[in-house]
PDB file of N, CA and C in Angstrom:
ATOM      1  N   MET A   1      76.276 135.825 125.269  1.00  0.00           N
ATOM      2  CA  MET A   1      76.836 134.498 125.492  1.00  0.00           C
ATOM      3  C   MET A   1      78.301 134.664 125.876  1.00  0.00           C
ATOM      4  N   PRO A   2      78.761 133.943 126.913  1.00  0.00           N
ATOM      5  CA  PRO A   2      80.161 134.073 127.323  1.00  0.00           C
ATOM      6  C   PRO A   2      81.107 133.471 126.289  1.00  0.00           C
ATOM      7  N   THR A   3      82.339 133.934 126.338  1.00  0.00           N
ATOM      8  CA  THR A   3      83.387 133.354 125.498  1.00  0.00           C
ATOM      9  C   THR A   3      84.186 132.364 126.332  1.00  0.00           C
ATOM     10  N   VAL A   4      85.035 131.599 125.676  1.00  0.00           N
ATOM     11  CA  VAL A   4      85.909 130.664 126.376  1.00  0.00           C
ATOM     12  C   VAL A   4      86.764 131.436 127.379  1.00  0.00           C
ATOM     13  N   ASN A   5      87.280 132.600 126.993  1.00  0.00           N
ATOM     14  CA  ASN A   5      88.123 133.394 127.885  1.00  0.00           C
ATOM     15  C   ASN A   5      87.352 133.897 129.100  1.00  0.00           C
ATOM     16  N   ASP A   6      86.057 134.196 128.957  1.00  0.00           N
ATOM     17  CA  ASP A   6      85.243 134.625 130.097  1.00  0.00           C
ATOM     18  C   ASP A   6      85.199 133.541 131.167  1.00  0.00           C
ATOM     19  N   ILE A   7      85.139 132.290 130.751  1.00  0.00           N
ATOM     20  CA  ILE A   7      85.112 131.168 131.693  1.00  0.00           C
ATOM     21  C   ILE A   7      86.396 131.169 132.528  1.00  0.00           C
ATOM     22  N   TYR A   8      87.533 131.393 131.883  1.00  0.00           N
ATOM     23  CA  TYR A   8      88.810 131.405 132.595  1.00  0.00           C
ATOM     24  C   TYR A   8      88.869 132.553 133.590  1.00  0.00           C
ATOM     25  N   LYS A   9      88.419 133.733 133.191  1.00  0.00           N
ATOM     26  CA  LYS A   9      88.455 134.908 134.069  1.00  0.00           C
ATOM     27  C   LYS A   9      87.536 134.729 135.277  1.00  0.00           C
ATOM     28  N   ALA A  10      86.419 134.072 135.083  1.00  0.00           N
ATOM     29  CA  ALA A  10      85.457 133.879 136.163  1.00  0.00           C
ATOM     30  C   ALA A  10      85.932 132.833 137.168  1.00  0.00           C
ATOM     31  N   SER A  11      86.851 131.976 136.761  1.00  0.00           N
ATOM     32  CA  SER A  11      87.312 130.893 137.632  1.00  0.00           C
ATOM     33  C   SER A  11      88.841 130.806 137.581  1.00  0.00           C
ATOM     34  N   PRO A  12      89.530 131.740 138.268  1.00  0.00           N
ATOM     35  CA  PRO A  12      90.997 131.718 138.210  1.00  0.00           C
ATOM     36  C   PRO A  12      91.577 130.484 138.889  1.00  0.00           C
ATOM     37  N   LEU A  13      92.716 130.043 138.382  1.00  0.00           N
ATOM     38  CA  LEU A  13      93.412 128.901 138.983  1.00  0.00           C
ATOM     39  C   LEU A  13      94.078 129.341 140.280  1.00  0.00           C
ATOM     40  N   GLN A  14      94.140 128.447 141.253  1.00  0.00           N
ATOM     41  CA  GLN A  14      94.638 128.793 142.581  1.00  0.00           C
ATOM     42  C   GLN A  14      96.146 128.610 142.743  1.00  0.00           C
ATOM     43  N   ALA A  15      96.792 127.933 141.826  1.00  0.00           N
ATOM     44  CA  ALA A  15      98.230 127.691 141.956  1.00  0.00           C
ATOM     45  C   ALA A  15      98.904 127.874 140.599  1.00  0.00           C
ATOM     46  N   ARG A  16     100.156 128.305 140.629  1.00  0.00           N
ATOM     47  CA  ARG A  16     100.896 128.526 139.388  1.00  0.00           C
ATOM     48  C   ARG A  16     101.243 127.225 138.679  1.00  0.00           C
ATOM     49  N   THR A  17     101.139 126.116 139.364  1.00  0.00           N
ATOM     50  CA  THR A  17     101.455 124.818 138.757  1.00  0.00           C
ATOM     51  C   THR A  17     100.220 124.142 138.181  1.00  0.00           C
ATOM     52  N   ARG A  18      99.112 124.864 138.094  1.00  0.00           N
ATOM     53  CA  ARG A  18      97.866 124.309 137.561  1.00  0.00           C
ATOM     54  C   ARG A  18      97.585 124.900 136.182  1.00  0.00           C
ATOM     55  N   ILE A  19      97.066 124.069 135.296  1.00  0.00           N
ATOM     56  CA  ILE A  19      96.622 124.509 133.975  1.00  0.00           C
ATOM     57  C   ILE A  19      95.273 123.860 133.690  1.00  0.00           C
ATOM     58  N   ARG A  20      94.562 124.421 132.724  1.00  0.00           N
ATOM     59  CA  ARG A  20      93.304 123.818 132.288  1.00  0.00           C
ATOM     60  C   ARG A  20      93.574 122.992 131.034  1.00  0.00           C
ATOM     61  N   LEU A  21      93.054 121.785 131.016  1.00  0.00           N
ATOM     62  CA  LEU A  21      93.169 120.927 129.841  1.00  0.00           C
ATOM     63  C   LEU A  21      91.766 120.601 129.354  1.00  0.00           C
ATOM     64  N   GLY A  22      91.570 120.768 128.079  1.00  0.00           N
ATOM     65  CA  GLY A  22      90.287 120.435 127.474  1.00  0.00           C
ATOM     66  C   GLY A  22      90.403 119.152 126.690  1.00  0.00           C
ATOM     67  N   ALA A  23      89.341 118.399 126.697  1.00  0.00           N
ATOM     68  CA  ALA A  23      89.297 117.153 125.934  1.00  0.00           C
ATOM     69  C   ALA A  23      88.158 117.240 124.938  1.00  0.00           C
ATOM     70  N   SER A  24      88.447 116.892 123.706  1.00  0.00           N
ATOM     71  CA  SER A  24      87.437 116.859 122.659  1.00  0.00           C
ATOM     72  C   SER A  24      87.585 115.542 121.920  1.00  0.00           C
ATOM     73  N   SER A  25      86.463 114.940 121.632  1.00  0.00           N
ATOM     74  CA  SER A  25      86.482 113.656 120.950  1.00  0.00           C
ATOM     75  C   SER A  25      85.345 113.631 119.937  1.00  0.00           C
ATOM     76  N   PRO A  26      85.569 113.075 118.756  1.00  0.00           N
ATOM     77  CA  PRO A  26      84.470 112.980 117.785  1.00  0.00           C
ATOM     78  C   PRO A  26      83.236 112.313 118.367  1.00  0.00           C
ATOM     79  N   SER A  27      83.417 111.366 119.263  1.00  0.00           N
ATOM     80  CA  SER A  27      82.250 110.689 119.846  1.00  0.00           C
ATOM     81  C   SER A  27      81.436 111.636 120.721  1.00  0.00           C
ATOM     82  N   LEU A  28      82.044 112.724 121.198  1.00  0.00           N
ATOM     83  CA  LEU A  28      81.316 113.687 122.018  1.00  0.00           C
ATOM     84  C   LEU A  28      80.349 114.530 121.198  1.00  0.00           C
ATOM     85  N   TYR A  29      80.646 114.730 119.903  1.00  0.00           N
ATOM     86  CA  TYR A  29      79.781 115.635 119.138  1.00  0.00           C
ATOM     87  C   TYR A  29      79.091 115.002 117.941  1.00  0.00           C
ATOM     88  N   ARG A  30      79.430 113.821 117.551  1.00  0.00           N
ATOM     89  CA  ARG A  30      78.770 113.200 116.397  1.00  0.00           C
ATOM     90  C   ARG A  30      77.288 112.973 116.635  1.00  0.00           C
ATOM     91  N   SER A  31      76.931 112.645 117.859  1.00  0.00           N
ATOM     92  CA  SER A  31      75.533 112.315 118.144  1.00  0.00           C
ATOM     93  C   SER A  31      74.613 113.518 118.035  1.00  0.00           C
ATOM     94  N   SER A  32      75.144 114.726 118.235  1.00  0.00           N
ATOM     95  CA  SER A  32      74.272 115.896 118.253  1.00  0.00           C
ATOM     96  C   SER A  32      74.358 116.735 116.982  1.00  0.00           C
ATOM     97  N   GLY A  33      75.192 116.379 116.062  1.00  0.00           N
ATOM     98  CA  GLY A  33      75.296 117.130 114.820  1.00  0.00           C
ATOM     99  C   GLY A  33      76.738 117.282 114.377  1.00  0.00           C
ATOM    100  N   GLU A  34      76.934 117.287 113.104  1.00  0.00           N
ATOM    101  CA  GLU A  34      78.278 117.300 112.544  1.00  0.00           C
ATOM    102  C   GLU A  34      79.066 118.556 112.899  1.00  0.00           C
ATOM    103  N   ASP A  35      78.379 119.711 113.044  1.00  0.00           N
ATOM    104  CA  ASP A  35      79.082 120.959 113.310  1.00  0.00           C
ATOM    105  C   ASP A  35      79.151 121.310 114.787  1.00  0.00           C
ATOM    106  N   ASP A  36      78.716 120.437 115.650  1.00  0.00           N
ATOM    107  CA  ASP A  36      78.692 120.704 117.080  1.00  0.00           C
ATOM    108  C   ASP A  36      80.020 120.276 117.702  1.00  0.00           C
ATOM    109  N   ILE A  37      80.711 121.205 118.369  1.00  0.00           N
ATOM    110  CA  ILE A  37      81.950 120.883 119.067  1.00  0.00           C
ATOM    111  C   ILE A  37      81.635 120.800 120.553  1.00  0.00           C
ATOM    112  N   ARG A  38      81.978 119.681 121.162  1.00  0.00           N
ATOM    113  CA  ARG A  38      81.761 119.478 122.600  1.00  0.00           C
ATOM    114  C   ARG A  38      83.101 119.159 123.243  1.00  0.00           C
ATOM    115  N   CYS A  39      83.373 119.836 124.338  1.00  0.00           N
ATOM    116  CA  CYS A  39      84.623 119.634 125.066  1.00  0.00           C
ATOM    117  C   CYS A  39      84.337 119.527 126.551  1.00  0.00           C
ATOM    118  N   SER A  40      85.229 118.858 127.241  1.00  0.00           N
ATOM    119  CA  SER A  40      85.193 118.870 128.696  1.00  0.00           C
ATOM    120  C   SER A  40      86.485 119.528 129.162  1.00  0.00           C
ATOM    121  N   LEU A  41      86.427 120.183 130.295  1.00  0.00           N
ATOM    122  CA  LEU A  41      87.562 120.946 130.806  1.00  0.00           C
ATOM    123  C   LEU A  41      87.904 120.449 132.202  1.00  0.00           C
ATOM    124  N   ALA A  42      89.199 120.250 132.457  1.00  0.00           N
ATOM    125  CA  ALA A  42      89.661 119.805 133.771  1.00  0.00           C
ATOM    126  C   ALA A  42      90.935 120.558 134.133  1.00  0.00           C
ATOM    127  N   VAL A  43      91.201 120.659 135.410  1.00  0.00           N
ATOM    128  CA  VAL A  43      92.428 121.288 135.898  1.00  0.00           C
ATOM    129  C   VAL A  43      93.460 120.188 136.110  1.00  0.00           C
ATOM    130  N   ALA A  44      94.679 120.438 135.623  1.00  0.00           N
ATOM    131  CA  ALA A  44      95.769 119.474 135.777  1.00  0.00           C
ATOM    132  C   ALA A  44      96.920 120.127 136.530  1.00  0.00           C
ATOM    133  N   ASN A  45      97.679 119.308 137.237  1.00  0.00           N
ATOM    134  CA  ASN A  45      98.824 119.764 138.007  1.00  0.00           C
ATOM    135  C   ASN A  45     100.090 119.527 137.181  1.00  0.00           C
ATOM    136  N   LEU A  46     100.820 120.593 136.875  1.00  0.00           N
ATOM    137  CA  LEU A  46     102.038 120.459 136.078  1.00  0.00           C
ATOM    138  C   LEU A  46     103.124 119.669 136.811  1.00  0.00           C
ATOM    139  N   ASP A  47     103.072 119.650 138.140  1.00  0.00           N
ATOM    140  CA  ASP A  47     104.049 118.862 138.897  1.00  0.00           C
ATOM    141  C   ASP A  47     103.928 117.372 138.584  1.00  0.00           C
ATOM    142  N   LYS A  48     102.766 116.946 138.116  1.00  0.00           N
ATOM    143  CA  LYS A  48     102.556 115.533 137.766  1.00  0.00           C
ATOM    144  C   LYS A  48     102.865 115.251 136.299  1.00  0.00           C
ATOM    145  N   ARG A  49     103.349 116.265 135.579  1.00  0.00           N
ATOM    146  CA  ARG A  49     103.786 116.141 134.180  1.00  0.00           C
ATOM    147  C   ARG A  49     102.747 115.513 133.253  1.00  0.00           C
ATOM    148  N   PRO A  50     101.580 116.110 133.149  1.00  0.00           N
ATOM    149  CA  PRO A  50     100.564 115.547 132.247  1.00  0.00           C
ATOM    150  C   PRO A  50     101.002 115.691 130.789  1.00  0.00           C
ATOM    151  N   ARG A  51     100.590 114.756 129.967  1.00  0.00           N
ATOM    152  CA  ARG A  51     100.878 114.835 128.522  1.00  0.00           C
ATOM    153  C   ARG A  51      99.713 115.566 127.862  1.00  0.00           C
ATOM    154  N   TYR A  52     100.027 116.555 127.025  1.00  0.00           N
ATOM    155  CA  TYR A  52      98.975 117.333 126.364  1.00  0.00           C
ATOM    156  C   TYR A  52      99.543 118.070 125.167  1.00  0.00           C
ATOM    157  N   GLY A  53      98.661 118.483 124.281  1.00  0.00           N
ATOM    158  CA  GLY A  53      98.984 119.382 123.190  1.00  0.00           C
ATOM    159  C   GLY A  53      98.305 120.709 123.507  1.00  0.00           C
ATOM    160  N   ALA A  54      98.814 121.793 122.995  1.00  0.00           N
ATOM    161  CA  ALA A  54      98.290 123.109 123.365  1.00  0.00           C
ATOM    162  C   ALA A  54      97.627 123.829 122.193  1.00  0.00           C
ATOM    163  N   LEU A  55      96.502 124.480 122.484  1.00  0.00           N
ATOM    164  CA  LEU A  55      95.814 125.379 121.560  1.00  0.00           C
ATOM    165  C   LEU A  55      95.494 126.655 122.329  1.00  0.00           C
ATOM    166  N   SER A  56      95.483 127.771 121.659  1.00  0.00           N
ATOM    167  CA  SER A  56      95.137 129.028 122.305  1.00  0.00           C
ATOM    168  C   SER A  56      93.652 129.308 122.139  1.00  0.00           C
ATOM    169  N   SER A  57      92.992 129.671 123.228  1.00  0.00           N
ATOM    170  CA  SER A  57      91.568 129.998 123.153  1.00  0.00           C
ATOM    171  C   SER A  57      91.341 131.399 122.609  1.00  0.00           C
ATOM    172  N   SER A  58      92.391 132.217 122.521  1.00  0.00           N
ATOM    173  CA  SER A  58      92.215 133.569 122.007  1.00  0.00           C
ATOM    174  C   SER A  58      92.930 133.797 120.678  1.00  0.00           C
ATOM    175  N   TRP A  59      93.351 132.734 120.041  1.00  0.00           N
ATOM    176  CA  TRP A  59      94.027 132.803 118.752  1.00  0.00           C
ATOM    177  C   TRP A  59      92.984 133.031 117.666  1.00  0.00           C
ATOM    178  N   GLY A  60      93.084 134.127 116.952  1.00  0.00           N
ATOM    179  CA  GLY A  60      92.140 134.413 115.882  1.00  0.00           C
ATOM    180  C   GLY A  60      91.387 135.713 116.102  1.00  0.00           C
ATOM    181  N   SER A  61      90.532 136.032 115.171  1.00  0.00           N
ATOM    182  CA  SER A  61      89.785 137.281 115.193  1.00  0.00           C
ATOM    183  C   SER A  61      88.600 137.209 116.157  1.00  0.00           C
ATOM    184  N   PRO A  62      88.427 138.224 117.020  1.00  0.00           N
ATOM    185  CA  PRO A  62      87.257 138.235 117.907  1.00  0.00           C
ATOM    186  C   PRO A  62      85.952 138.482 117.148  1.00  0.00           C
ATOM    187  N   ASP A  63      86.053 138.867 115.877  1.00  0.00           N
ATOM    188  CA  ASP A  63      84.863 139.106 115.061  1.00  0.00           C
ATOM    189  C   ASP A  63      84.295 137.823 114.462  1.00  0.00           C
ATOM    190  N   GLU A  64      85.060 136.749 114.505  1.00  0.00           N
ATOM    191  CA  GLU A  64      84.626 135.477 113.923  1.00  0.00           C
ATOM    192  C   GLU A  64      84.589 134.416 115.018  1.00  0.00           C
ATOM    193  N   MET A  65      83.453 134.313 115.693  1.00  0.00           N
ATOM    194  CA  MET A  65      83.304 133.387 116.804  1.00  0.00           C
ATOM    195  C   MET A  65      82.313 132.285 116.442  1.00  0.00           C
ATOM    196  N   LYS A  66      82.544 131.097 117.006  1.00  0.00           N
ATOM    197  CA  LYS A  66      81.655 129.956 116.771  1.00  0.00           C
ATOM    198  C   LYS A  66      81.298 129.309 118.107  1.00  0.00           C
ATOM    199  N   LEU A  67      80.169 128.632 118.101  1.00  0.00           N
ATOM    200  CA  LEU A  67      79.663 127.985 119.302  1.00  0.00           C
ATOM    201  C   LEU A  67      80.458 126.724 119.642  1.00  0.00           C
ATOM    202  N   ILE A  68      80.853 126.628 120.903  1.00  0.00           N
ATOM    203  CA  ILE A  68      81.513 125.445 121.442  1.00  0.00           C
ATOM    204  C   ILE A  68      80.774 125.093 122.728  1.00  0.00           C
ATOM    205  N   ARG A  69      80.469 123.830 122.912  1.00  0.00           N
ATOM    206  CA  ARG A  69      79.841 123.387 124.169  1.00  0.00           C
ATOM    207  C   ARG A  69      80.948 122.915 125.098  1.00  0.00           C
ATOM    208  N   LEU A  70      81.111 123.643 126.193  1.00  0.00           N
ATOM    209  CA  LEU A  70      82.178 123.374 127.145  1.00  0.00           C
ATOM    210  C   LEU A  70      81.551 122.938 128.462  1.00  0.00           C
ATOM    211  N   ASP A  71      81.678 121.652 128.770  1.00  0.00           N
ATOM    212  CA  ASP A  71      81.054 121.102 129.987  1.00  0.00           C
ATOM    213  C   ASP A  71      79.581 121.473 130.075  1.00  0.00           C
ATOM    214  N   GLU A  72      78.856 121.240 129.008  1.00  0.00           N
ATOM    215  CA  GLU A  72      77.400 121.475 128.932  1.00  0.00           C
ATOM    216  C   GLU A  72      77.005 122.946 128.925  1.00  0.00           C
ATOM    217  N   GLN A  73      77.966 123.857 128.854  1.00  0.00           N
ATOM    218  CA  GLN A  73      77.672 125.287 128.757  1.00  0.00           C
ATOM    219  C   GLN A  73      78.032 125.751 127.351  1.00  0.00           C
ATOM    220  N   GLU A  74      77.155 126.549 126.743  1.00  0.00           N
ATOM    221  CA  GLU A  74      77.454 127.094 125.422  1.00  0.00           C
ATOM    222  C   GLU A  74      78.323 128.335 125.587  1.00  0.00           C
ATOM    223  N   VAL A  75      79.452 128.342 124.905  1.00  0.00           N
ATOM    224  CA  VAL A  75      80.370 129.486 124.920  1.00  0.00           C
ATOM    225  C   VAL A  75      80.792 129.775 123.485  1.00  0.00           C
ATOM    226  N   LEU A  76      81.322 130.955 123.285  1.00  0.00           N
ATOM    227  CA  LEU A  76      81.852 131.327 121.977  1.00  0.00           C
ATOM    228  C   LEU A  76      83.362 131.194 121.995  1.00  0.00           C
ATOM    229  N   GLY A  77      83.894 130.547 120.977  1.00  0.00           N
ATOM    230  CA  GLY A  77      85.334 130.419 120.803  1.00  0.00           C
ATOM    231  C   GLY A  77      85.715 130.980 119.445  1.00  0.00           C
ATOM    232  N   SER A  78      86.976 131.288 119.281  1.00  0.00           N
ATOM    233  CA  SER A  78      87.417 131.836 117.998  1.00  0.00           C
ATOM    234  C   SER A  78      87.196 130.814 116.880  1.00  0.00           C
ATOM    235  N   ASP A  79      87.039 131.325 115.689  1.00  0.00           N
ATOM    236  CA  ASP A  79      86.877 130.470 114.513  1.00  0.00           C
ATOM    237  C   ASP A  79      88.075 129.531 114.381  1.00  0.00           C
ATOM    238  N   ASN A  80      89.282 130.034 114.652  1.00  0.00           N
ATOM    239  CA  ASN A  80      90.492 129.206 114.569  1.00  0.00           C
ATOM    240  C   ASN A  80      90.469 128.079 115.589  1.00  0.00           C
ATOM    241  N   LEU A  81      90.036 128.371 116.820  1.00  0.00           N
ATOM    242  CA  LEU A  81      89.940 127.333 117.836  1.00  0.00           C
ATOM    243  C   LEU A  81      88.923 126.284 117.433  1.00  0.00           C
ATOM    244  N   TRP A  82      87.769 126.716 116.925  1.00  0.00           N
ATOM    245  CA  TRP A  82      86.732 125.793 116.499  1.00  0.00           C
ATOM    246  C   TRP A  82      87.265 124.832 115.431  1.00  0.00           C
ATOM    247  N   TRP A  83      87.936 125.375 114.413  1.00  0.00           N
ATOM    248  CA  TRP A  83      88.475 124.539 113.338  1.00  0.00           C
ATOM    249  C   TRP A  83      89.585 123.616 113.838  1.00  0.00           C
ATOM    250  N   ALA A  84      90.403 124.079 114.765  1.00  0.00           N
ATOM    251  CA  ALA A  84      91.455 123.215 115.313  1.00  0.00           C
ATOM    252  C   ALA A  84      90.843 122.043 116.070  1.00  0.00           C
ATOM    253  N   LEU A  85      89.767 122.287 116.820  1.00  0.00           N
ATOM    254  CA  LEU A  85      89.093 121.213 117.533  1.00  0.00           C
ATOM    255  C   LEU A  85      88.349 120.276 116.580  1.00  0.00           C
ATOM    256  N   LYS A  86      87.847 120.825 115.505  1.00  0.00           N
ATOM    257  CA  LYS A  86      87.120 120.045 114.519  1.00  0.00           C
ATOM    258  C   LYS A  86      88.046 119.039 113.882  1.00  0.00           C
TER     259      LYS A  86
END
């Protein structure tokens, strides 16, 4: 199963002013189970000054991974990322 970081490596951003922003909402995962994390991912242009908070997808131990649904794809994210999204 791919990790969150594998998704980034497979799809590099084309400009230095672009970042990926993920959105997670309790309404996205309550319907499918209490422990299910669902996120959507979009590319944003920093020149347009988007408002966002930051989390690291590689923060934490690679030995402790949990399932995250990212745009309908199952990926593994660090335990710390999972808990931060929770």
